Every structure is written in C-alpha cells, then in structure tokens.
C-alpha cells in the first residue's frame, strides 16, 4: 500500500517534465519525438487516474497478493 501512496510522486514529476518538454518549440519541431512523448504522457496520466480510484487500489492489491 505504501507504493500506491508514494508511487504517484515520481509519476507526477515525470509528467511535469514531459509536458514542459512538449511545450517547447524545439521539441515540437521534432515530430517523432513529440508523438512518443505525448503518448507516454497520456499513458502516465491514465495510470495516475487509475491509481487514484478504488478500482485501481483493488487491482494493485490483487497484483501484489
């Protein structure tokens, strides 16, 4: 249960860094890197939403046990 309580911190930090890099004009010019960064950011956001819901907690408890 500690992982669920603390695991969001590195995920949020990675998401903040990724979104700031996506906002830069230089990164947007490199289309292939921008798509990969956008996809990984979306998946990280989805993971954070799942972690914040009771079904996500049950899924984590099932996986750990």
Protein backbone atom coordinates (compact mmCIF):
# COMPACT_ATOMS: atom_id res chain seq x y z
CA UNK A 1 0.00 0.00 0.00
CA UNK A 2 2.98 2.32 0.52
CA UNK A 3 3.78 2.12 -3.20
CA UNK A 4 0.32 3.46 -4.05
CA UNK A 5 0.79 6.25 -1.53
CA UNK A 6 4.26 7.24 -2.72
CA UNK A 7 4.33 5.95 -6.31
CA UNK A 8 2.46 8.92 -7.67
CA UNK A 9 5.29 11.32 -6.76
CA UNK A 10 7.79 10.15 -9.42
CA UNK A 11 4.95 9.73 -11.91
CA UNK A 12 3.80 13.33 -11.39
CA UNK A 13 7.39 14.59 -11.66
CA UNK A 14 7.90 12.70 -14.92
CA UNK A 15 4.61 14.03 -16.25
CA UNK A 16 5.54 17.62 -15.39
CA UNK A 17 8.91 17.29 -17.12
CA UNK A 18 7.35 15.62 -20.17
CA UNK A 19 4.65 18.27 -20.53
CA UNK A 20 7.18 21.08 -20.19
CA UNK A 21 9.29 19.49 -22.93
CA UNK A 22 6.22 19.10 -25.12
CA UNK A 23 5.52 22.81 -24.69
CA UNK A 24 8.95 23.79 -26.05
CA UNK A 25 9.06 24.90 -29.68
CA UNK A 26 12.25 22.94 -30.37
CA UNK A 27 10.66 19.68 -29.23
CA UNK A 28 7.54 20.29 -31.31
CA UNK A 29 9.73 20.65 -34.39
CA UNK A 30 10.92 17.05 -33.92
CA UNK A 31 7.64 15.32 -34.75
CA UNK A 32 8.62 11.72 -33.98
CA UNK A 33 9.93 12.54 -30.50
CA UNK A 34 6.86 14.66 -29.78
CA UNK A 35 4.48 11.82 -30.62
CA UNK A 36 6.33 9.40 -28.34
CA UNK A 37 6.44 11.93 -25.53
CA UNK A 38 2.74 12.72 -25.96
CA UNK A 39 1.77 9.03 -25.89
CA UNK A 40 3.87 8.32 -22.80
CA UNK A 41 2.44 11.42 -21.09
CA UNK A 42 -1.12 10.30 -21.84
CA UNK A 43 -0.41 6.81 -20.50
CA UNK A 44 1.19 8.24 -17.35
CA UNK A 45 -1.86 10.45 -16.81
CA UNK A 46 -4.13 7.45 -17.27
CA UNK A 47 -2.06 5.46 -14.78
CA UNK A 48 -2.38 8.29 -12.23
CA UNK A 49 -6.16 8.37 -12.69
CA UNK A 50 -6.37 4.61 -12.19
CA UNK A 51 -4.15 4.82 -9.10
CA UNK A 52 -6.46 7.45 -7.59
CA UNK A 53 -9.63 5.35 -7.83
CA UNK A 54 -10.86 2.49 -5.65
CA UNK A 55 -10.86 0.01 -8.57
CA UNK A 56 -7.19 0.88 -9.09
CA UNK A 57 -6.47 0.14 -5.43
CA UNK A 58 -8.21 -3.22 -5.73
CA UNK A 59 -6.25 -4.01 -8.89
CA UNK A 60 -3.00 -3.16 -7.10
CA UNK A 61 -3.94 -5.26 -4.07
CA UNK A 62 -4.77 -8.19 -6.38
CA UNK A 63 -1.46 -7.80 -8.23
CA UNK A 64 0.62 -7.63 -5.05
CA UNK A 65 -1.11 -10.55 -3.34
